[in-house]
Amino acid sequence: MNRAEMLERLERFPFDRKDYWLVAGGAMLLYGIRQETADIDLGCTKEMADRLEEEGWLYRRMDDGRRWFKYGETIELSEDWMGDWVTEYDGFRVLTPEGIIRQKEELGREKDFRDIELLKEYLKQ
């Protein structure tokens, strides 16, 4: 999905923006570092995770105890994921570019290393 499609889906997302933030590919898309993303990855507050659980959304526990939710076909939420690296950008809470680098270093997949290079180039500008 492109930036406009992502923003349209987030406009329909029925939760308060203060309770979630864009991470990974969605954050890079918002910043204009990438042109598209396969899905929308979000971090969310513990309170929002509690609400999702209460509403019956299926989740699984990560090794560190955080909850991970699949919300529909394109949105995934991770409880309190990198919340200490969040800033505001274009009306959304979003992981800072430095935070995305840290996140992608932790994930350590081949595609993450390519994204890290894009993020470093973005920070040089």
Protein backbone atom coordinates (compact mmCIF):
# COMPACT_ATOMS: atom_id res chain seq x y z
CA MET A 1 0.00 0.00 0.00
CA ASN A 2 1.17 3.54 -0.62
CA ARG A 3 1.14 6.51 1.78
CA ALA A 4 -2.35 7.70 0.78
CA GLU A 5 -3.82 4.21 1.24
CA MET A 6 -2.15 3.86 4.63
CA LEU A 7 -3.46 7.23 5.81
CA GLU A 8 -6.96 6.33 4.61
CA ARG A 9 -6.88 3.10 6.65
CA LEU A 10 -5.59 4.93 9.70
CA GLU A 11 -8.40 7.51 9.36
CA ARG A 12 -10.88 4.61 9.63
CA PHE A 13 -9.00 3.00 12.53
CA PRO A 14 -11.40 3.42 15.48
CA PHE A 15 -8.85 4.25 18.17
CA ASP A 16 -7.45 7.47 19.57
CA ARG A 17 -4.13 8.41 17.96
CA LYS A 18 -2.63 9.09 21.38
CA ASP A 19 -2.86 5.35 22.12
CA TYR A 20 -0.79 4.07 19.19
CA TRP A 21 2.20 4.98 17.02
CA LEU A 22 3.56 3.95 13.64
CA VAL A 23 6.66 1.75 13.60
CA ALA A 24 8.73 -0.05 10.95
CA GLY A 25 7.55 0.24 7.33
CA GLY A 26 4.52 2.41 8.12
CA ALA A 27 6.73 4.93 9.89
CA MET A 28 9.16 4.92 6.96
CA LEU A 29 6.23 5.45 4.60
CA LEU A 30 4.95 8.41 6.64
CA TYR A 31 8.42 10.01 6.58
CA GLY A 32 8.66 9.46 2.82
CA ILE A 33 11.65 7.11 3.12
CA ARG A 34 9.77 4.25 1.46
CA GLN A 35 7.08 4.39 -1.22
CA GLU A 36 5.01 1.42 -0.04
CA THR A 37 4.52 -1.10 2.74
CA ALA A 38 2.79 -4.47 2.92
CA ASP A 39 1.05 -3.77 6.22
CA ILE A 40 0.74 -1.20 9.00
CA ASP A 41 2.77 -2.01 12.08
CA LEU A 42 1.86 -0.10 15.21
CA GLY A 43 3.04 0.11 18.76
CA CYS A 44 0.28 0.68 21.30
CA THR A 45 -0.16 1.53 24.95
CA LYS A 46 -0.88 -1.14 27.55
CA GLU A 47 -4.34 0.43 27.94
CA MET A 48 -5.09 0.01 24.26
CA ALA A 49 -3.85 -3.59 24.37
CA ASP A 50 -6.16 -4.18 27.35
CA ARG A 51 -9.06 -2.75 25.34
CA LEU A 52 -8.25 -4.93 22.30
CA GLU A 53 -8.13 -8.00 24.53
CA GLU A 54 -11.43 -7.05 26.21
CA GLU A 55 -13.04 -6.62 22.78
CA GLY A 56 -12.01 -10.16 21.92
CA TRP A 57 -9.22 -9.52 19.41
CA LEU A 58 -6.96 -12.53 19.20
CA TYR A 59 -3.43 -12.02 20.37
CA ARG A 60 -0.31 -13.91 21.27
CA ARG A 61 2.28 -13.22 23.92
CA MET A 62 5.79 -12.35 22.82
CA ASP A 63 8.78 -13.86 24.63
CA ASP A 64 9.03 -10.73 26.78
CA GLY A 65 5.35 -10.89 27.77
CA ARG A 66 4.06 -8.11 25.49
CA ARG A 67 0.90 -8.79 23.50
CA TRP A 68 0.83 -8.79 19.67
CA PHE A 69 -2.50 -8.31 17.88
CA LYS A 70 -3.65 -8.79 14.30
CA TYR A 71 -6.37 -6.21 13.58
CA GLY A 72 -8.00 -7.05 10.26
CA GLU A 73 -5.92 -7.88 7.23
CA THR A 74 -3.39 -5.05 7.27
CA ILE A 75 -2.82 -3.78 10.83
CA GLU A 76 -0.62 -5.40 13.44
CA LEU A 77 -0.13 -3.97 16.93
CA SER A 78 2.57 -4.68 19.49
CA GLU A 79 2.04 -3.60 23.07
CA ASP A 80 4.48 -0.89 24.20
CA TRP A 81 6.89 -1.54 21.32
CA MET A 82 9.62 1.11 21.33
CA GLY A 83 7.35 3.63 23.02
CA ASP A 84 10.31 5.58 24.37
CA TRP A 85 11.35 6.57 20.81
CA VAL A 86 8.06 8.19 19.74
CA THR A 87 7.60 11.67 18.28
CA GLU A 88 4.83 13.55 16.41
CA TYR A 89 4.89 13.79 12.61
CA ASP A 90 2.10 14.89 10.24
CA GLY A 91 -0.55 14.47 12.93
CA PHE A 92 0.50 10.99 14.00
CA ARG A 93 2.63 9.55 16.73
CA VAL A 94 5.52 7.80 15.03
CA LEU A 95 8.79 6.15 15.90
CA THR A 96 11.78 8.44 15.29
CA PRO A 97 14.13 7.44 12.46
CA GLU A 98 16.75 6.57 15.11
CA GLY A 99 14.17 4.41 16.86
CA ILE A 100 13.33 2.62 13.62
CA ILE A 101 17.05 1.88 13.12
CA ARG A 102 17.24 0.44 16.63
CA GLN A 103 14.08 -1.61 16.02
CA LYS A 104 15.35 -2.98 12.72
CA GLU A 105 18.74 -3.82 14.22
CA GLU A 106 16.91 -5.91 16.83
CA LEU A 107 14.86 -7.67 14.13
CA GLY A 108 17.99 -8.35 12.08
CA ARG A 109 16.37 -9.60 8.88
CA GLU A 110 17.84 -9.00 5.42
CA LYS A 111 15.10 -6.52 4.53
CA ASP A 112 15.78 -4.66 7.78
CA PHE A 113 19.43 -4.10 6.84
CA ARG A 114 18.31 -2.51 3.55
CA ASP A 115 15.90 -0.27 5.48
CA ILE A 116 18.66 0.73 7.90
CA GLU A 117 20.71 2.02 4.98
CA LEU A 118 17.73 4.04 3.72
CA LEU A 119 17.20 5.47 7.21
CA LYS A 120 20.85 6.46 7.54
CA GLU A 121 20.66 8.26 4.19
CA TYR A 122 17.48 10.03 5.33
CA LEU A 123 19.20 11.22 8.52
CA LYS A 124 22.11 12.65 6.52
CA GLN A 125 19.73 15.02 4.71
